[in-house]
Structure formats: C-alpha cells, structure tokens
C-alpha cells in the first residue's frame, strides 16, 4: 500500500517531458539556461584537483558556515551562530523535508497557503500529520481571517513562501505585522519560511523572517545557493533556526544525507568573496522587463511580478479551456511550455492563469514570445 496514494508525478516533470517530446521551448520548469559565472566555474575547475573530495562536517563546510552567517548579518542585521544555528542542505527541498520530518508529529496540523509549491505536502503526510490548505486572496496577499480560522490546538507549523512561487508576490510590512500578531496568540506554532528567491526581488523590497525579532525564536528560514547563483543542479541550500530547533533538524539531516557535496560547498565559499548577491535583483529585473516588453502585443494579460523569475499571465481572453488543457495545447500547437496555476491549489482552483519562467537567455525569450504572440 502506498504511503502517498494521492501524490502523483509532479506537474513540472509532466510539462518538461511534454516539452522535450514536442521540441517546445521550456518556460515551465524553474531553471536558468544561460551560462554560469566564469568566476565560479573557474573555481570548480581548480578545486577538482585539490583535496576537497571527502565528507565535510555534518553541518557544513566550516568556512562556508561563517560566510553564511556574515551574509545573513549583512542582509538582515541578524546575528546567527554558525556552529549551532546553521545547516547546509542538499537544496532547499531537502531542507524543507528535513525540517518537517524533525518537528512535525502524528496528528499535528500544518498550514499551507495556496497556491503553494508542491514539495510541502508530502513530508507532512509522511509524518501522519494533516496539511491544512488555506487559499490566499486572488491578489495573492494573505487572508488573515481565513488563516486564523484554520489555526487550531493541533496546529504545529505554518509554511510561508516569500518571494512567492508561483506568483512572484512579495509580502508587505503589514503582512508580517499581522503574522506576528496572529502567532502571538499561538505560541506553540512554528514558522517555516521558504525564502529561496530572497535575492531575486525588484521594486518591492524583500522582508525576511530573519529581520523580525518576534519571529526568530520560532522560525526555520530556508535559502538556496542554487537559485541565487544559477546552479540549481548543484542542489546546495541552507537553513537557519534557533539552536533548540536546529538540534532536532540535525538529528534527521545526519541520517538523510549526513553532509552535502563538498566541492560545491568549498566553491561557493570562495565565490562569496567575489560576488554581490544583492545585484541579482537588477539582473533578473532586466530579464523580467524584457520578457514583459516582448509580450506586450500578445493576447496574454501579464500579472504583477515583484520577485522570483516567474511571470504569471492570464489567458482568459484567449480560451475557456481549463489551465492544464491550455498548457498542454500551448506545447503541442505553439511549442511553448508553461505551468498551470491550478496545480498549486489543493482544490485545483482554476483562474485561467499560467506561469512562465523568464530565467532564460534573450534568444530563448525572443523565440518564445514570438510563438506566444500567435496564440
């Protein structure tokens, strides 16, 4: 008998497979197709011949932990202890899985705000706990009345994702004020803050759980070097948590992966001395603006994009099809792959919206826009 009977193949896998079969431009799965910074690849080439190929300590390569602590302090004015409050993980997904497995128990409830990324639910179910799905407002702001009603004596954790995948929405100061006020009424509830796109933001400033002292003692904050440095295949992320929570997380981590790819950790550690992560926003803002300009004359209505490298678009004026069917036809008839937003909702809420990834080179974006202009 399956432990996850209702979990099927990810929509990202489905759409990428279809894109390959139909030789379509893949704007569905969230990975860049442009080259990695030469400075980073040069470091890897050199390190490949050095003695950096054995296990690192379980928590991470010690010099990298120090660099992460410095990065968190520079970015959010939060001081964290590298030895007790940091953990390098095999990507953000492993960080999320490990955190939930360590801290959520049988019959606990975990609040998920929909539309939500698809990796949250499975580890909750594997804990024999209950995912409680709460829809965001249609503009993707939190609906605090709905969220408060969903909280119960069994609620162990709330998961937030900011900047938000799939919509690119960034929470405002007032959202965090409301979150703090709500959680003050529920001191037992933990906060899992998925912030993997924290450095990919535009006009709207990213606000982190790191920068909110009232949340720090109860928060596990997830970050991703893979997203930040365009090396998603490296699968290197990290999490920050207070020591009393980190002790539990590390218990699971040591028997899940023990330690993370050593050469990648050392390479990132050196690269952090050469790169300014805050410049990522400017790089991707140029991508966003260029892609939006290319699609101006299409029949798609572009939604606001405040962060991430995803652009949500409405096709309501084009077709009455459900979004899954429309995305499949977009591949077969027009040669462009996108992701239907309904798949990010527990109930499959269909607002005739789809998601494009614009983390592509200009040639790819131009050809994709040309095809989308014929829809």
Protein backbone atom coordinates (compact mmCIF):
# COMPACT_ATOMS: atom_id res chain seq x y z
CA UNK A 1 0.00 0.00 0.00
CA UNK A 2 1.30 3.43 -0.92
CA UNK A 3 2.18 5.87 1.86
CA UNK A 4 1.36 8.71 -0.56
CA UNK A 5 -1.61 7.40 -2.57
CA UNK A 6 -2.71 10.80 -3.84
CA UNK A 7 0.74 12.09 -4.77
CA UNK A 8 1.35 11.78 -8.50
CA UNK A 9 4.10 12.81 -10.90
CA UNK A 10 4.96 16.49 -10.46
CA UNK A 11 3.41 18.91 -12.95
CA UNK A 12 6.93 20.20 -13.59
CA UNK A 13 8.05 16.75 -14.71
CA UNK A 14 4.94 16.31 -16.85
CA UNK A 15 5.34 19.61 -18.66
CA UNK A 16 9.09 19.27 -19.14
CA UNK A 17 8.61 15.78 -20.57
CA UNK A 18 5.96 17.06 -22.98
CA UNK A 19 8.20 19.97 -23.94
CA UNK A 20 11.02 17.57 -24.81
CA UNK A 21 8.70 15.29 -26.79
CA UNK A 22 7.36 18.20 -28.86
CA UNK A 23 10.63 20.14 -29.11
CA UNK A 24 8.94 23.05 -27.33
CA UNK A 25 10.66 25.95 -25.58
CA UNK A 26 10.55 25.04 -21.91
CA UNK A 27 9.43 28.01 -19.83
CA UNK A 28 7.76 25.68 -17.35
CA UNK A 29 10.41 24.30 -15.02
CA UNK A 30 12.27 26.90 -12.99
CA UNK A 31 15.85 26.58 -14.12
CA UNK A 32 18.11 29.07 -15.95
CA UNK A 33 19.51 28.14 -19.36
CA UNK A 34 22.29 30.72 -19.51
CA UNK A 35 25.90 30.14 -18.57
CA UNK A 36 27.14 30.21 -15.00
CA UNK A 37 29.54 32.97 -13.93
CA UNK A 38 33.03 32.09 -15.25
CA UNK A 39 34.49 33.04 -11.90
CA UNK A 40 32.50 30.25 -10.26
CA UNK A 41 33.28 27.59 -12.86
CA UNK A 42 36.96 28.55 -12.75
CA UNK A 43 36.95 27.92 -9.01
CA UNK A 44 35.39 24.49 -9.56
CA UNK A 45 37.96 23.56 -12.20
CA UNK A 46 40.79 24.43 -9.84
CA UNK A 47 39.22 22.72 -6.83
CA UNK A 48 38.69 19.50 -8.79
CA UNK A 49 42.43 18.86 -8.47
CA UNK A 50 42.62 19.76 -4.79
CA UNK A 51 41.90 17.74 -1.68
CA UNK A 52 38.25 18.73 -1.21
CA UNK A 53 36.51 15.49 -2.16
CA UNK A 54 35.79 13.88 1.19
CA UNK A 55 32.95 14.40 3.67
CA UNK A 56 32.58 17.82 5.17
CA UNK A 57 31.33 18.09 8.76
CA UNK A 58 27.65 17.27 9.05
CA UNK A 59 26.51 20.89 9.48
CA UNK A 60 28.53 22.12 6.52
CA UNK A 61 31.99 23.26 5.46
CA UNK A 62 33.05 25.43 8.44
CA UNK A 63 34.38 28.40 6.40
CA UNK A 64 31.12 28.40 4.41
CA UNK A 65 29.07 28.47 7.60
CA UNK A 66 30.99 31.57 8.65
CA UNK A 67 30.33 33.19 5.26
CA UNK A 68 26.61 32.40 5.54
CA UNK A 69 26.48 33.97 8.99
CA UNK A 70 28.12 37.09 7.56
CA UNK A 71 25.67 37.12 4.63
CA UNK A 72 22.66 36.89 6.96
CA UNK A 73 24.02 39.69 9.12
CA UNK A 74 24.72 41.96 6.12
CA UNK A 75 21.36 41.24 4.53
CA UNK A 76 19.09 41.30 7.58
CA UNK A 77 21.12 42.57 10.56
CA UNK A 78 20.62 39.23 12.27
CA UNK A 79 23.50 37.59 14.12
CA UNK A 80 23.43 33.78 13.94
CA UNK A 81 25.82 31.27 15.46
CA UNK A 82 27.48 29.17 12.71
CA UNK A 83 28.04 26.13 14.94
CA UNK A 84 24.51 25.85 16.34
CA UNK A 85 22.06 27.78 14.12
CA UNK A 86 23.14 26.99 10.54
CA UNK A 87 22.88 23.88 8.39
CA UNK A 88 23.95 23.39 4.77
CA UNK A 89 21.47 21.16 2.94
CA UNK A 90 21.15 19.29 -0.34
CA UNK A 91 18.96 22.01 -1.79
CA UNK A 92 16.01 23.83 -0.29
CA UNK A 93 13.69 20.86 -0.86
CA UNK A 94 15.78 18.68 1.43
CA UNK A 95 15.86 21.48 3.99
CA UNK A 96 12.06 21.68 3.94
CA UNK A 97 11.62 17.90 4.06
CA UNK A 98 14.11 17.50 6.91
CA UNK A 99 12.57 20.33 8.94
CA UNK A 100 9.07 18.91 8.68
CA UNK A 101 10.20 15.37 9.47
CA UNK A 102 12.08 16.60 12.53
CA UNK A 103 9.47 18.91 14.02
CA UNK A 104 6.02 17.66 12.95
CA UNK A 105 4.44 14.66 14.66
CA UNK A 106 1.49 12.34 14.08
CA UNK A 107 -1.87 14.17 14.05
CA UNK A 108 -0.27 17.61 14.02
CA UNK A 109 -1.65 20.14 11.54
CA UNK A 110 0.44 22.29 9.20
CA UNK A 111 -0.94 25.41 7.50
CA UNK A 112 -0.05 25.75 3.79
CA UNK A 113 -1.03 28.90 1.89
CA UNK A 114 -2.28 28.17 -1.63
CA UNK A 115 -1.22 28.47 -4.38
CA UNK A 116 1.81 26.68 -2.96
CA UNK A 117 4.89 24.88 -4.20
CA UNK A 118 4.37 21.15 -4.43
CA UNK A 119 7.11 19.93 -2.06
CA UNK A 120 5.36 20.95 1.15
CA UNK A 121 2.59 18.38 1.38
CA UNK A 122 4.42 15.04 1.01
CA UNK A 123 6.67 15.31 4.08
CA UNK A 124 3.67 16.36 6.17
CA UNK A 125 1.74 13.28 5.07
CA UNK A 126 4.76 11.07 5.77
CA UNK A 127 4.61 12.32 9.37
CA UNK A 128 0.97 11.14 9.55
CA UNK A 129 0.10 14.79 10.01
CA UNK A 130 -2.56 16.87 8.28
CA UNK A 131 -1.85 19.57 5.68
CA UNK A 132 -4.40 22.37 6.11
CA UNK A 133 -4.62 24.29 2.86
CA UNK A 134 -5.74 27.92 3.03
CA UNK A 135 -6.24 30.00 -0.10
CA UNK A 136 -4.53 33.35 -0.39
CA UNK A 137 -6.59 36.25 -1.72
CA UNK A 138 -6.88 36.45 -5.50
CA UNK A 139 -4.13 39.11 -5.49
CA UNK A 140 -2.00 36.58 -3.52
CA UNK A 141 -1.94 38.59 -0.31
CA UNK A 142 -2.59 36.58 2.88
CA UNK A 143 -6.19 36.35 4.00
CA UNK A 144 -5.67 36.66 7.74
CA UNK A 145 -9.28 35.94 8.62
CA UNK A 146 -9.14 32.60 6.78
CA UNK A 147 -5.73 31.78 8.22
CA UNK A 148 -6.85 32.49 11.79
CA UNK A 149 -9.90 30.26 11.34
CA UNK A 150 -7.65 27.45 10.09
CA UNK A 151 -5.44 27.54 13.20
CA UNK A 152 -6.37 25.06 15.91
CA UNK A 153 -4.96 23.46 19.03
CA UNK A 154 -3.36 20.87 16.71
CA UNK A 155 -1.52 23.39 14.53
CA UNK A 156 2.23 22.78 14.81
CA UNK A 157 3.56 24.81 11.89
CA UNK A 158 2.72 27.41 9.29
CA UNK A 159 4.59 27.47 5.98
CA UNK A 160 5.07 30.75 4.17
CA UNK A 161 6.86 31.36 0.86
CA UNK A 162 8.17 34.86 0.23
CA UNK A 163 9.02 35.89 -2.51
CA UNK A 164 6.25 33.65 -3.70
CA UNK A 165 6.40 30.80 -6.17
CA UNK A 166 4.40 30.64 -8.44
CA UNK A 167 3.16 34.24 -8.43
CA UNK A 168 6.15 36.47 -7.71
CA UNK A 169 4.28 38.21 -4.89
CA UNK A 170 6.26 39.75 -2.02
CA UNK A 171 4.78 40.25 1.42
CA UNK A 172 4.44 43.79 2.75
CA UNK A 173 5.38 45.05 6.21
CA UNK A 174 1.72 44.94 7.19
CA UNK A 175 1.58 41.22 6.35
CA UNK A 176 4.39 40.49 8.78
CA UNK A 177 2.76 42.69 11.42
CA UNK A 178 -0.42 40.64 11.03
CA UNK A 179 1.56 37.37 11.12
CA UNK A 180 3.29 38.37 14.36
CA UNK A 181 0.01 39.42 15.97
CA UNK A 182 -1.60 36.13 14.99
CA UNK A 183 1.25 33.93 16.14
CA UNK A 184 1.44 35.72 19.48
CA UNK A 185 -1.94 34.12 20.18
CA UNK A 186 -0.49 30.71 19.30
CA UNK A 187 2.94 30.47 20.96
CA UNK A 188 3.29 26.78 20.12
CA UNK A 189 3.14 27.29 16.34
CA UNK A 190 6.41 27.18 14.40
CA UNK A 191 7.06 29.15 11.22
CA UNK A 192 8.75 27.57 8.20
CA UNK A 193 9.74 30.47 5.94
CA UNK A 194 10.72 29.42 2.41
CA UNK A 195 12.82 32.32 1.11
CA UNK A 196 14.75 30.72 -1.74
CA UNK A 197 14.14 33.73 -4.04
CA UNK A 198 15.15 36.27 -1.37
CA UNK A 199 17.76 37.98 -3.56
CA UNK A 200 15.63 37.98 -6.72
CA UNK A 201 13.40 40.97 -6.00
CA UNK A 202 12.57 44.14 -7.89
CA UNK A 203 10.72 47.34 -6.92
CA UNK A 204 9.25 45.79 -3.78
CA UNK A 205 11.81 45.18 -1.02
CA UNK A 206 12.00 41.65 0.37
CA UNK A 207 11.17 41.35 4.04
CA UNK A 208 12.58 38.26 5.73
CA UNK A 209 11.59 36.40 8.86
CA UNK A 210 15.26 36.98 9.74
CA UNK A 211 14.56 40.67 10.20
CA UNK A 212 11.62 40.17 12.57
CA UNK A 213 12.87 39.62 16.16
CA UNK A 214 9.44 38.43 17.28
CA UNK A 215 9.66 35.54 14.80
CA UNK A 216 13.29 34.48 15.09
CA UNK A 217 12.87 32.14 18.07
CA UNK A 218 10.18 30.12 16.31
CA UNK A 219 11.30 30.31 12.65
CA UNK A 220 13.16 27.98 10.33
CA UNK A 221 14.29 30.04 7.34
CA UNK A 222 15.18 28.24 4.10
CA UNK A 223 17.58 29.68 1.48
CA UNK A 224 19.10 28.43 -1.78
CA UNK A 225 22.52 28.99 -3.32
CA UNK A 226 21.26 27.01 -6.30
CA UNK A 227 18.64 29.66 -7.04
CA UNK A 228 20.84 32.62 -6.16
CA UNK A 229 23.83 31.61 -8.30
CA UNK A 230 22.01 29.93 -11.26
CA UNK A 231 23.33 26.48 -10.29
CA UNK A 232 20.09 24.67 -9.50
CA UNK A 233 21.64 21.29 -10.31
CA UNK A 234 24.20 21.68 -7.55
CA UNK A 235 21.39 21.31 -5.01
CA UNK A 236 23.02 23.39 -2.27
CA UNK A 237 20.84 25.29 0.16
CA UNK A 238 20.89 26.15 3.82
CA UNK A 239 18.58 26.73 6.73
CA UNK A 240 18.75 28.97 9.77
CA UNK A 241 16.99 28.07 13.01
CA UNK A 242 17.42 28.71 16.74
CA UNK A 243 19.53 26.09 18.49
CA UNK A 244 16.66 24.29 20.21
CA UNK A 245 15.01 23.63 16.84
CA UNK A 246 18.24 23.05 14.94
CA UNK A 247 19.19 20.21 17.29
CA UNK A 248 16.12 18.30 16.16
CA UNK A 249 16.60 19.15 12.48
CA UNK A 250 20.19 17.91 12.57
CA UNK A 251 19.07 14.57 14.01
CA UNK A 252 17.17 13.88 10.80
CA UNK A 253 19.71 15.50 8.49
CA UNK A 254 22.58 13.30 9.68
CA UNK A 255 20.71 10.13 8.70
CA UNK A 256 19.21 11.53 5.49
CA UNK A 257 22.26 12.96 3.69
CA UNK A 258 24.76 13.46 6.56
CA UNK A 259 26.78 16.02 4.60
CA UNK A 260 26.41 17.94 1.35
CA UNK A 261 28.58 17.92 -1.80
CA UNK A 262 32.00 19.02 -0.60
CA UNK A 263 33.43 20.59 -3.76
CA UNK A 264 30.31 22.70 -4.27
CA UNK A 265 30.42 23.96 -0.70
CA UNK A 266 34.07 24.98 -0.99
CA UNK A 267 33.44 26.60 -4.39
CA UNK A 268 30.50 28.63 -3.08
CA UNK A 269 32.53 29.66 -0.06
CA UNK A 270 35.23 31.13 -2.28
CA UNK A 271 32.73 32.65 -4.71
CA UNK A 272 31.01 34.59 -1.93
CA UNK A 273 34.16 36.72 -1.72
CA UNK A 274 33.76 37.70 -5.39
CA UNK A 275 30.05 38.29 -5.86
CA UNK A 276 27.46 40.71 -4.51
CA UNK A 277 24.24 38.75 -4.09
CA UNK A 278 22.12 41.90 -3.96
CA UNK A 279 22.95 42.52 -7.63
CA UNK A 280 20.84 39.50 -8.60
CA UNK A 281 17.68 41.59 -8.44
CA UNK A 282 18.95 44.00 -11.08
CA UNK A 283 19.97 41.13 -13.36
CA UNK A 284 16.59 39.44 -13.19
CA UNK A 285 14.66 42.71 -13.33
CA UNK A 286 16.19 43.26 -16.78
CA UNK A 287 15.02 39.77 -17.73
CA UNK A 288 11.53 40.41 -16.39
CA UNK A 289 11.19 43.77 -18.12
CA UNK A 290 12.48 42.42 -21.42
CA UNK A 291 10.12 39.43 -21.35
CA UNK A 292 7.15 41.63 -20.45
CA UNK A 293 8.04 44.02 -23.29
CA UNK A 294 8.21 41.14 -25.74
CA UNK A 295 4.72 40.00 -24.71
CA UNK A 296 3.09 43.45 -24.80
CA UNK A 297 1.40 42.82 -28.14
CA UNK A 298 0.28 39.30 -27.30
CA UNK A 299 -3.22 38.49 -26.07
CA UNK A 300 -1.93 37.41 -22.66
CA UNK A 301 -2.60 39.70 -19.70
CA UNK A 302 0.52 39.90 -17.55
CA UNK A 303 0.09 39.89 -13.77
CA UNK A 304 2.39 41.88 -11.44
CA UNK A 305 5.79 40.28 -10.79
CA UNK A 306 7.55 41.64 -7.69
CA UNK A 307 10.18 38.91 -7.31
CA UNK A 308 11.35 35.41 -8.35
CA UNK A 309 11.98 34.62 -12.01
CA UNK A 310 8.38 33.70 -12.79
CA UNK A 311 5.79 35.66 -14.75
CA UNK A 312 2.11 34.79 -14.29
CA UNK A 313 -0.19 35.53 -17.21
CA UNK A 314 -3.93 35.31 -17.75
CA UNK A 315 -5.24 33.65 -20.89
CA UNK A 316 -8.90 34.34 -20.01
CA UNK A 317 -9.39 36.46 -23.13
CA UNK A 318 -7.94 33.71 -25.31
CA UNK A 319 -9.65 30.49 -24.25
CA UNK A 320 -12.24 28.97 -21.91
CA UNK A 321 -10.18 25.79 -21.52
CA UNK A 322 -9.03 24.76 -18.07
CA UNK A 323 -5.44 25.77 -17.45
CA UNK A 324 -3.99 22.24 -17.65
CA UNK A 325 -5.58 21.64 -21.05
CA UNK A 326 -4.50 25.07 -22.24
CA UNK A 327 -0.89 24.46 -21.19
CA UNK A 328 -0.83 21.13 -22.98
CA UNK A 329 -2.20 22.74 -26.13
CA UNK A 330 0.34 25.54 -25.79
CA UNK A 331 3.03 22.87 -26.08
CA UNK A 332 1.53 20.82 -28.90
CA UNK A 333 0.22 23.69 -31.04
CA UNK A 334 2.59 26.57 -30.29
CA UNK A 335 5.77 24.98 -28.97
CA UNK A 336 5.99 26.72 -25.60
CA UNK A 337 5.72 25.03 -22.19
CA UNK A 338 4.25 26.78 -19.15
CA UNK A 339 2.83 25.67 -15.79
CA UNK A 340 -0.92 25.81 -14.95
CA UNK A 341 -1.50 27.68 -11.69
CA UNK A 342 -4.42 25.43 -10.65
CA UNK A 343 -1.92 22.67 -9.84
CA UNK A 344 -0.61 24.78 -6.96
CA UNK A 345 -4.03 24.66 -5.23
CA UNK A 346 -5.32 21.69 -3.23
CA UNK A 347 -8.71 22.04 -4.87
CA UNK A 348 -7.38 22.79 -8.36
CA UNK A 349 -8.71 26.36 -8.35
CA UNK A 350 -8.67 27.49 -11.99
CA UNK A 351 -8.39 31.23 -12.56
CA UNK A 352 -7.16 30.87 -16.18
CA UNK A 353 -3.61 31.69 -15.12
CA UNK A 354 -0.31 30.13 -16.18
CA UNK A 355 3.31 30.60 -15.11
CA UNK A 356 6.31 31.28 -17.36
CA UNK A 357 9.93 31.10 -16.21
CA UNK A 358 11.95 34.00 -17.65
CA UNK A 359 15.34 32.83 -16.33
CA UNK A 360 16.41 32.22 -19.93
CA UNK A 361 18.79 33.84 -22.38
CA UNK A 362 17.36 36.60 -24.57
CA UNK A 363 17.33 34.43 -27.69
CA UNK A 364 15.10 31.90 -25.93
CA UNK A 365 12.78 34.60 -24.59
CA UNK A 366 12.51 36.22 -28.01
CA UNK A 367 11.59 32.99 -29.77
CA UNK A 368 9.12 32.05 -27.01
CA UNK A 369 7.46 35.48 -27.21
CA UNK A 370 7.25 35.21 -31.00
CA UNK A 371 5.36 31.92 -30.68
CA UNK A 372 3.16 33.19 -27.85
CA UNK A 373 2.28 36.19 -29.99
CA UNK A 374 0.49 33.86 -32.39
CA UNK A 375 -1.77 32.34 -29.71
